[in-house]
PDB file of N, CA and C in Angstrom:
ATOM      1  N   UNK A   1      12.259  -5.453  -1.120  1.00  0.00           N
ATOM      2  CA  UNK A   1      10.850  -5.739  -0.874  1.00  0.00           C
ATOM      3  C   UNK A   1      10.336  -6.720  -1.908  1.00  0.00           C
ATOM      4  N   UNK A   2       9.376  -7.494  -1.475  1.00  0.00           N
ATOM      5  CA  UNK A   2       8.781  -8.475  -2.367  1.00  0.00           C
ATOM      6  C   UNK A   2       7.494  -7.917  -2.975  1.00  0.00           C
ATOM      7  N   UNK A   3       7.277  -8.278  -4.232  1.00  0.00           N
ATOM      8  CA  UNK A   3       6.049  -7.953  -4.938  1.00  0.00           C
ATOM      9  C   UNK A   3       5.330  -9.272  -5.168  1.00  0.00           C
ATOM     10  N   UNK A   4       4.017  -9.297  -4.997  1.00  0.00           N
ATOM     11  CA  UNK A   4       3.265 -10.524  -5.201  1.00  0.00           C
ATOM     12  C   UNK A   4       1.918 -10.222  -5.844  1.00  0.00           C
ATOM     13  N   UNK A   5       1.409 -11.195  -6.536  1.00  0.00           N
ATOM     14  CA  UNK A   5       0.070 -11.130  -7.109  1.00  0.00           C
ATOM     15  C   UNK A   5      -0.697 -12.343  -6.612  1.00  0.00           C
ATOM     16  N   UNK A   6      -2.009 -12.167  -6.374  1.00  0.00           N
ATOM     17  CA  UNK A   6      -2.810 -13.284  -5.901  1.00  0.00           C
ATOM     18  C   UNK A   6      -4.291 -13.010  -6.110  1.00  0.00           C
ATOM     19  N   UNK A   7      -5.070 -14.062  -5.960  1.00  0.00           N
ATOM     20  CA  UNK A   7      -6.518 -13.976  -5.971  1.00  0.00           C
ATOM     21  C   UNK A   7      -6.960 -13.917  -4.520  1.00  0.00           C
ATOM     22  N   UNK A   8      -7.833 -12.959  -4.192  1.00  0.00           N
ATOM     23  CA  UNK A   8      -8.251 -12.781  -2.803  1.00  0.00           C
ATOM     24  C   UNK A   8      -9.768 -12.861  -2.691  1.00  0.00           C
ATOM     25  N   UNK A   9     -10.226 -13.589  -1.672  1.00  0.00           N
ATOM     26  CA  UNK A   9     -11.650 -13.676  -1.374  1.00  0.00           C
ATOM     27  C   UNK A   9     -11.902 -12.935  -0.068  1.00  0.00           C
ATOM     28  N   UNK A  10     -12.694 -11.852  -0.127  1.00  0.00           N
ATOM     29  CA  UNK A  10     -12.935 -11.067   1.093  1.00  0.00           C
ATOM     30  C   UNK A  10     -14.023 -11.708   1.951  1.00  0.00           C
ATOM     31  N   UNK A  11     -14.333 -11.084   3.075  1.00  0.00           N
ATOM     32  CA  UNK A  11     -15.284 -11.641   4.048  1.00  0.00           C
ATOM     33  C   UNK A  11     -16.681 -11.813   3.466  1.00  0.00           C
ATOM     34  N   UNK A  12     -17.015 -11.016   2.453  1.00  0.00           N
ATOM     35  CA  UNK A  12     -18.341 -11.115   1.822  1.00  0.00           C
ATOM     36  C   UNK A  12     -18.354 -12.096   0.661  1.00  0.00           C
ATOM     37  N   UNK A  13     -17.201 -12.729   0.391  1.00  0.00           N
ATOM     38  CA  UNK A  13     -17.122 -13.701  -0.690  1.00  0.00           C
ATOM     39  C   UNK A  13     -16.740 -13.126  -2.039  1.00  0.00           C
ATOM     40  N   UNK A  14     -16.465 -11.828  -2.098  1.00  0.00           N
ATOM     41  CA  UNK A  14     -16.060 -11.200  -3.355  1.00  0.00           C
ATOM     42  C   UNK A  14     -14.626 -11.624  -3.696  1.00  0.00           C
ATOM     43  N   UNK A  15     -14.407 -12.053  -4.931  1.00  0.00           N
ATOM     44  CA  UNK A  15     -13.100 -12.515  -5.383  1.00  0.00           C
ATOM     45  C   UNK A  15     -12.485 -11.457  -6.283  1.00  0.00           C
ATOM     46  N   UNK A  16     -11.236 -11.055  -5.952  1.00  0.00           N
ATOM     47  CA  UNK A  16     -10.536 -10.036  -6.732  1.00  0.00           C
ATOM     48  C   UNK A  16      -9.094 -10.447  -6.965  1.00  0.00           C
ATOM     49  N   UNK A  17      -8.505  -9.917  -8.035  1.00  0.00           N
ATOM     50  CA  UNK A  17      -7.091 -10.094  -8.310  1.00  0.00           C
ATOM     51  C   UNK A  17      -6.355  -8.930  -7.652  1.00  0.00           C
ATOM     52  N   UNK A  18      -5.265  -9.211  -6.926  1.00  0.00           N
ATOM     53  CA  UNK A  18      -4.523  -8.184  -6.203  1.00  0.00           C
ATOM     54  C   UNK A  18      -3.062  -8.195  -6.606  1.00  0.00           C
ATOM     55  N   UNK A  19      -2.451  -7.004  -6.592  1.00  0.00           N
ATOM     56  CA  UNK A  19      -1.017  -6.821  -6.791  1.00  0.00           C
ATOM     57  C   UNK A  19      -0.534  -6.028  -5.589  1.00  0.00           C
ATOM     58  N   UNK A  20       0.457  -6.574  -4.854  1.00  0.00           N
ATOM     59  CA  UNK A  20       0.828  -5.999  -3.562  1.00  0.00           C
ATOM     60  C   UNK A  20       2.341  -5.953  -3.394  1.00  0.00           C
ATOM     61  N   UNK A  21       2.846  -4.838  -2.891  1.00  0.00           N
ATOM     62  CA  UNK A  21       4.224  -4.735  -2.424  1.00  0.00           C
ATOM     63  C   UNK A  21       4.178  -5.176  -0.954  1.00  0.00           C
ATOM     64  N   UNK A  22       4.806  -6.295  -0.637  1.00  0.00           N
ATOM     65  CA  UNK A  22       4.678  -6.912   0.690  1.00  0.00           C
ATOM     66  C   UNK A  22       5.494  -6.134   1.716  1.00  0.00           C
ATOM     67  N   UNK A  23       4.842  -5.686   2.767  1.00  0.00           N
ATOM     68  CA  UNK A  23       5.503  -4.992   3.873  1.00  0.00           C
ATOM     69  C   UNK A  23       5.772  -5.965   5.006  1.00  0.00           C
ATOM     70  N   UNK A  24       4.812  -6.850   5.284  1.00  0.00           N
ATOM     71  CA  UNK A  24       4.975  -7.820   6.368  1.00  0.00           C
ATOM     72  C   UNK A  24       4.199  -9.080   6.017  1.00  0.00           C
ATOM     73  N   UNK A  25       4.846 -10.213   6.195  1.00  0.00           N
ATOM     74  CA  UNK A  25       4.197 -11.503   5.971  1.00  0.00           C
ATOM     75  C   UNK A  25       3.384 -11.882   7.210  1.00  0.00           C
ATOM     76  N   UNK A  26       2.353 -12.719   7.042  1.00  0.00           N
ATOM     77  CA  UNK A  26       1.623 -13.191   8.225  1.00  0.00           C
ATOM     78  C   UNK A  26       2.575 -13.871   9.208  1.00  0.00           C
ATOM     79  N   UNK A  27       2.360 -13.631  10.500  1.00  0.00           N
ATOM     80  CA  UNK A  27       3.261 -14.177  11.504  1.00  0.00           C
ATOM     81  C   UNK A  27       2.549 -14.284  12.841  1.00  0.00           C
ATOM     82  N   UNK A  28       3.030 -15.199  13.649  1.00  0.00           N
ATOM     83  CA  UNK A  28       2.532 -15.314  15.025  1.00  0.00           C
ATOM     84  C   UNK A  28       3.604 -14.881  16.017  1.00  0.00           C
ATOM     85  N   UNK A  29       4.537 -14.067  15.567  1.00  0.00           N
ATOM     86  CA  UNK A  29       5.687 -13.666  16.376  1.00  0.00           C
ATOM     87  C   UNK A  29       5.624 -12.181  16.766  1.00  0.00           C
ATOM     88  N   UNK A  30       6.092 -11.870  17.950  1.00  0.00           N
ATOM     89  CA  UNK A  30       6.319 -10.493  18.367  1.00  0.00           C
ATOM     90  C   UNK A  30       7.716 -10.124  17.888  1.00  0.00           C
ATOM     91  N   UNK A  31       7.846  -9.014  17.228  1.00  0.00           N
ATOM     92  CA  UNK A  31       9.139  -8.588  16.692  1.00  0.00           C
ATOM     93  C   UNK A  31       9.547  -7.304  17.399  1.00  0.00           C
ATOM     94  N   UNK A  32      10.766  -7.263  17.911  1.00  0.00           N
ATOM     95  CA  UNK A  32      11.218  -6.070  18.605  1.00  0.00           C
ATOM     96  C   UNK A  32      12.714  -6.076  18.828  1.00  0.00           C
ATOM     97  N   UNK A  33      13.216  -4.975  19.312  1.00  0.00           N
ATOM     98  CA  UNK A  33      14.628  -4.832  19.648  1.00  0.00           C
ATOM     99  C   UNK A  33      14.741  -5.035  21.154  1.00  0.00           C
ATOM    100  N   UNK A  34      15.415  -6.093  21.560  1.00  0.00           N
ATOM    101  CA  UNK A  34      15.534  -6.361  22.985  1.00  0.00           C
ATOM    102  C   UNK A  34      16.541  -5.412  23.613  1.00  0.00           C
ATOM    103  N   UNK A  35      16.142  -4.770  24.692  1.00  0.00           N
ATOM    104  CA  UNK A  35      16.996  -3.792  25.377  1.00  0.00           C
ATOM    105  C   UNK A  35      17.290  -4.214  26.816  1.00  0.00           C
ATOM    106  N   UNK A  36      17.121  -5.480  27.105  1.00  0.00           N
ATOM    107  CA  UNK A  36      17.320  -5.994  28.466  1.00  0.00           C
ATOM    108  C   UNK A  36      18.718  -5.749  29.004  1.00  0.00           C
ATOM    109  N   UNK A  37      19.705  -5.740  28.139  1.00  0.00           N
ATOM    110  CA  UNK A  37      21.097  -5.691  28.564  1.00  0.00           C
ATOM    111  C   UNK A  37      21.674  -4.283  28.712  1.00  0.00           C
ATOM    112  N   UNK A  38      20.872  -3.242  28.471  1.00  0.00           N
ATOM    113  CA  UNK A  38      21.413  -1.878  28.628  1.00  0.00           C
ATOM    114  C   UNK A  38      20.758  -1.178  29.813  1.00  0.00           C
ATOM    115  N   UNK A  39      21.423  -0.157  30.297  1.00  0.00           N
ATOM    116  CA  UNK A  39      20.931   0.597  31.454  1.00  0.00           C
ATOM    117  C   UNK A  39      19.623   1.317  31.105  1.00  0.00           C
ATOM    118  N   UNK A  40      18.743   1.521  32.109  1.00  0.00           N
ATOM    119  CA  UNK A  40      17.470   2.197  31.850  1.00  0.00           C
ATOM    120  C   UNK A  40      17.626   3.565  31.182  1.00  0.00           C
ATOM    121  N   UNK A  41      18.655   4.344  31.587  1.00  0.00           N
ATOM    122  CA  UNK A  41      18.862   5.660  30.975  1.00  0.00           C
ATOM    123  C   UNK A  41      19.207   5.506  29.496  1.00  0.00           C
ATOM    124  N   UNK A  42      20.060   4.523  29.187  1.00  0.00           N
ATOM    125  CA  UNK A  42      20.423   4.264  27.794  1.00  0.00           C
ATOM    126  C   UNK A  42      19.220   3.765  27.000  1.00  0.00           C
ATOM    127  N   UNK A  43      18.420   2.968  27.653  1.00  0.00           N
ATOM    128  CA  UNK A  43      17.209   2.465  27.006  1.00  0.00           C
ATOM    129  C   UNK A  43      16.290   3.624  26.635  1.00  0.00           C
ATOM    130  N   UNK A  44      16.099   4.550  27.553  1.00  0.00           N
ATOM    131  CA  UNK A  44      15.250   5.714  27.283  1.00  0.00           C
ATOM    132  C   UNK A  44      15.825   6.559  26.150  1.00  0.00           C
ATOM    133  N   UNK A  45      17.114   6.758  26.176  1.00  0.00           N
ATOM    134  CA  UNK A  45      17.776   7.538  25.134  1.00  0.00           C
ATOM    135  C   UNK A  45      17.633   6.852  23.772  1.00  0.00           C
ATOM    136  N   UNK A  46      17.901   5.536  23.755  1.00  0.00           N
ATOM    137  CA  UNK A  46      17.755   4.767  22.526  1.00  0.00           C
ATOM    138  C   UNK A  46      16.321   4.845  22.007  1.00  0.00           C
ATOM    139  N   UNK A  47      15.357   4.652  22.905  1.00  0.00           N
ATOM    140  CA  UNK A  47      13.950   4.670  22.513  1.00  0.00           C
ATOM    141  C   UNK A  47      13.559   6.014  21.910  1.00  0.00           C
ATOM    142  N   UNK A  48      14.037   7.107  22.498  1.00  0.00           N
ATOM    143  CA  UNK A  48      13.750   8.445  21.971  1.00  0.00           C
ATOM    144  C   UNK A  48      14.353   8.635  20.576  1.00  0.00           C
ATOM    145  N   UNK A  49      15.641   8.255  20.420  1.00  0.00           N
ATOM    146  CA  UNK A  49      16.302   8.391  19.126  1.00  0.00           C
ATOM    147  C   UNK A  49      15.648   7.499  18.078  1.00  0.00           C
ATOM    148  N   UNK A  50      15.313   6.278  18.473  1.00  0.00           N
ATOM    149  CA  UNK A  50      14.666   5.344  17.561  1.00  0.00           C
ATOM    150  C   UNK A  50      13.313   5.905  17.109  1.00  0.00           C
ATOM    151  N   UNK A  51      12.536   6.421  18.054  1.00  0.00           N
ATOM    152  CA  UNK A  51      11.224   6.978  17.736  1.00  0.00           C
ATOM    153  C   UNK A  51      11.350   8.147  16.760  1.00  0.00           C
ATOM    154  N   UNK A  52      12.363   9.004  16.967  1.00  0.00           N
ATOM    155  CA  UNK A  52      12.564  10.130  16.055  1.00  0.00           C
ATOM    156  C   UNK A  52      12.923   9.655  14.653  1.00  0.00           C
ATOM    157  N   UNK A  53      13.846   8.699  14.556  1.00  0.00           N
ATOM    158  CA  UNK A  53      14.229   8.160  13.249  1.00  0.00           C
ATOM    159  C   UNK A  53      13.050   7.465  12.577  1.00  0.00           C
ATOM    160  N   UNK A  54      12.298   6.705  13.352  1.00  0.00           N
ATOM    161  CA  UNK A  54      11.139   5.999  12.805  1.00  0.00           C
ATOM    162  C   UNK A  54      10.110   6.995  12.273  1.00  0.00           C
ATOM    163  N   UNK A  55       9.891   8.087  13.005  1.00  0.00           N
ATOM    164  CA  UNK A  55       8.934   9.095  12.551  1.00  0.00           C
ATOM    165  C   UNK A  55       9.403   9.749  11.258  1.00  0.00           C
ATOM    166  N   UNK A  56      10.714  10.006  11.148  1.00  0.00           N
ATOM    167  CA  UNK A  56      11.258  10.555   9.897  1.00  0.00           C
ATOM    168  C   UNK A  56      11.007   9.592   8.738  1.00  0.00           C
ATOM    169  N   UNK A  57      11.211   8.296   9.000  1.00  0.00           N
ATOM    170  CA  UNK A  57      10.964   7.281   7.986  1.00  0.00           C
ATOM    171  C   UNK A  57       9.494   7.275   7.577  1.00  0.00           C
ATOM    172  N   UNK A  58       8.597   7.256   8.556  1.00  0.00           N
ATOM    173  CA  UNK A  58       7.157   7.243   8.264  1.00  0.00           C
ATOM    174  C   UNK A  58       6.762   8.484   7.470  1.00  0.00           C
ATOM    175  N   UNK A  59       7.281   9.637   7.857  1.00  0.00           N
ATOM    176  CA  UNK A  59       6.979  10.872   7.124  1.00  0.00           C
ATOM    177  C   UNK A  59       7.438  10.776   5.667  1.00  0.00           C
ATOM    178  N   UNK A  60       8.634  10.224   5.454  1.00  0.00           N
ATOM    179  CA  UNK A  60       9.161  10.075   4.094  1.00  0.00           C
ATOM    180  C   UNK A  60       8.311   9.093   3.286  1.00  0.00           C
ATOM    181  N   UNK A  61       7.889   7.996   3.912  1.00  0.00           N
ATOM    182  CA  UNK A  61       7.047   7.015   3.224  1.00  0.00           C
ATOM    183  C   UNK A  61       5.698   7.638   2.870  1.00  0.00           C
ATOM    184  N   UNK A  62       5.119   8.381   3.786  1.00  0.00           N
ATOM    185  CA  UNK A  62       3.834   9.039   3.513  1.00  0.00           C
ATOM    186  C   UNK A  62       3.958  10.032   2.358  1.00  0.00           C
ATOM    187  N   UNK A  63       5.059  10.756   2.311  1.00  0.00           N
ATOM    188  CA  UNK A  63       5.288  11.698   1.205  1.00  0.00           C
ATOM    189  C   UNK A  63       5.403  10.933  -0.122  1.00  0.00           C
ATOM    190  N   UNK A  64       6.147   9.831  -0.113  1.00  0.00           N
ATOM    191  CA  UNK A  64       6.301   9.010  -1.308  1.00  0.00           C
ATOM    192  C   UNK A  64       4.955   8.451  -1.760  1.00  0.00           C
ATOM    193  N   UNK A  65       4.167   7.946  -0.811  1.00  0.00           N
ATOM    194  CA  UNK A  65       2.840   7.426  -1.157  1.00  0.00           C
ATOM    195  C   UNK A  65       1.978   8.516  -1.764  1.00  0.00           C
ATOM    196  N   UNK A  66       2.091   9.745  -1.243  1.00  0.00           N
ATOM    197  CA  UNK A  66       1.356  10.876  -1.801  1.00  0.00           C
ATOM    198  C   UNK A  66       1.782  11.177  -3.229  1.00  0.00           C
ATOM    199  N   UNK A  67       3.094  11.078  -3.492  1.00  0.00           N
ATOM    200  CA  UNK A  67       3.616  11.324  -4.842  1.00  0.00           C
ATOM    201  C   UNK A  67       3.001  10.361  -5.857  1.00  0.00           C
ATOM    202  N   UNK A  68       2.653   9.165  -5.426  1.00  0.00           N
ATOM    203  CA  UNK A  68       2.097   8.142  -6.316  1.00  0.00           C
ATOM    204  C   UNK A  68       0.592   7.941  -6.107  1.00  0.00           C
ATOM    205  N   UNK A  69      -0.051   8.840  -5.367  1.00  0.00           N
ATOM    206  CA  UNK A  69      -1.484   8.748  -5.072  1.00  0.00           C
ATOM    207  C   UNK A  69      -1.834   7.404  -4.419  1.00  0.00           C
ATOM    208  N   UNK A  70      -1.022   6.980  -3.455  1.00  0.00           N
ATOM    209  CA  UNK A  70      -1.241   5.723  -2.740  1.00  0.00           C
ATOM    210  C   UNK A  70      -1.419   5.931  -1.235  1.00  0.00           C
ATOM    211  N   UNK A  71      -1.800   7.137  -0.818  1.00  0.00           N
ATOM    212  CA  UNK A  71      -1.896   7.444   0.613  1.00  0.00           C
ATOM    213  C   UNK A  71      -2.879   6.540   1.366  1.00  0.00           C
ATOM    214  N   UNK A  72      -3.899   6.052   0.676  1.00  0.00           N
ATOM    215  CA  UNK A  72      -4.922   5.247   1.358  1.00  0.00           C
ATOM    216  C   UNK A  72      -4.942   3.819   0.817  1.00  0.00           C
ATOM    217  N   UNK A  73      -3.770   3.285   0.496  1.00  0.00           N
ATOM    218  CA  UNK A  73      -3.695   1.975  -0.142  1.00  0.00           C
ATOM    219  C   UNK A  73      -3.096   0.879   0.730  1.00  0.00           C
ATOM    220  N   UNK A  74      -2.855   1.140   2.007  1.00  0.00           N
ATOM    221  CA  UNK A  74      -2.350   0.098   2.902  1.00  0.00           C
ATOM    222  C   UNK A  74      -3.491  -0.869   3.186  1.00  0.00           C
ATOM    223  N   UNK A  75      -3.268  -2.139   2.925  1.00  0.00           N
ATOM    224  CA  UNK A  75      -4.302  -3.154   3.101  1.00  0.00           C
ATOM    225  C   UNK A  75      -3.759  -4.316   3.921  1.00  0.00           C
ATOM    226  N   UNK A  76      -4.671  -5.040   4.554  1.00  0.00           N
ATOM    227  CA  UNK A  76      -4.341  -6.280   5.238  1.00  0.00           C
ATOM    228  C   UNK A  76      -5.131  -7.397   4.565  1.00  0.00           C
ATOM    229  N   UNK A  77      -4.454  -8.505   4.290  1.00  0.00           N
ATOM    230  CA  UNK A  77      -5.088  -9.634   3.633  1.00  0.00           C
ATOM    231  C   UNK A  77      -4.958 -10.858   4.529  1.00  0.00           C
ATOM    232  N   UNK A  78      -6.068 -11.521   4.789  1.00  0.00           N
ATOM    233  CA  UNK A  78      -6.073 -12.721   5.619  1.00  0.00           C
ATOM    234  C   UNK A  78      -5.428 -13.847   4.817  1.00  0.00           C
ATOM    235  N   UNK A  79      -4.385 -14.420   5.389  1.00  0.00           N
ATOM    236  CA  UNK A  79      -3.573 -15.428   4.696  1.00  0.00           C
ATOM    237  C   UNK A  79      -4.403 -16.566   4.101  1.00  0.00           C
ATOM    238  N   UNK A  80      -5.369 -17.047   4.843  1.00  0.00           N
ATOM    239  CA  UNK A  80      -6.161 -18.194   4.369  1.00  0.00           C
ATOM    240  C   UNK A  80      -7.091 -17.837   3.207  1.00  0.00           C
ATOM    241  N   UNK A  81      -7.275 -16.541   2.933  1.00  0.00           N
ATOM    242  CA  UNK A  81      -8.125 -16.108   1.823  1.00  0.00           C
ATOM    243  C   UNK A  81      -7.336 -15.819   0.553  1.00  0.00           C
ATOM    244  N   UNK A  82      -6.016 -16.037   0.607  1.00  0.00           N
ATOM    245  CA  UNK A  82      -5.133 -15.790  -0.543  1.00  0.00           C
ATOM    246  C   UNK A  82      -4.940 -17.100  -1.303  1.00  0.00           C
ATOM    247  N   UNK A  83      -5.169 -17.057  -2.618  1.00  0.00           N
ATOM    248  CA  UNK A  83      -4.981 -18.224  -3.475  1.00  0.00           C
ATOM    249  C   UNK A  83      -4.138 -17.840  -4.685  1.00  0.00           C
ATOM    250  N   UNK A  84      -3.500 -18.805  -5.295  1.00  0.00           N
ATOM    251  CA  UNK A  84      -2.747 -18.625  -6.542  1.00  0.00           C
ATOM    252  C   UNK A  84      -1.713 -17.516  -6.437  1.00  0.00           C
ATOM    253  N   UNK A  85      -0.985 -17.481  -5.343  1.00  0.00           N
ATOM    254  CA  UNK A  85       0.014 -16.430  -5.134  1.00  0.00           C
ATOM    255  C   UNK A  85       1.261 -16.682  -5.973  1.00  0.00           C
ATOM    256  N   UNK A  86       1.728 -15.634  -6.629  1.00  0.00           N
ATOM    257  CA  UNK A  86       2.969 -15.725  -7.410  1.00  0.00           C
ATOM    258  C   UNK A  86       3.948 -14.708  -6.922  1.00  0.00           C
TER     259      UNK A  86
END
């Protein structure tokens, strides 16, 4: 994972210094696992297994965030409002 620091200007014009562990970069792309080439039954099975694994991951991340008192720290930053990024 990438760590970054930057100056951010919010919608009200307030300027703050931010330190962020980057989860996703700004993008105009849809990201997904293409399942066009497998049978519908396999697709359903895969989707169920994937959803279960993903939920386990989310639960583990939420527990970790709780351990560090970061449960309510997920933020979105508008790319054009980010300056001086390192």
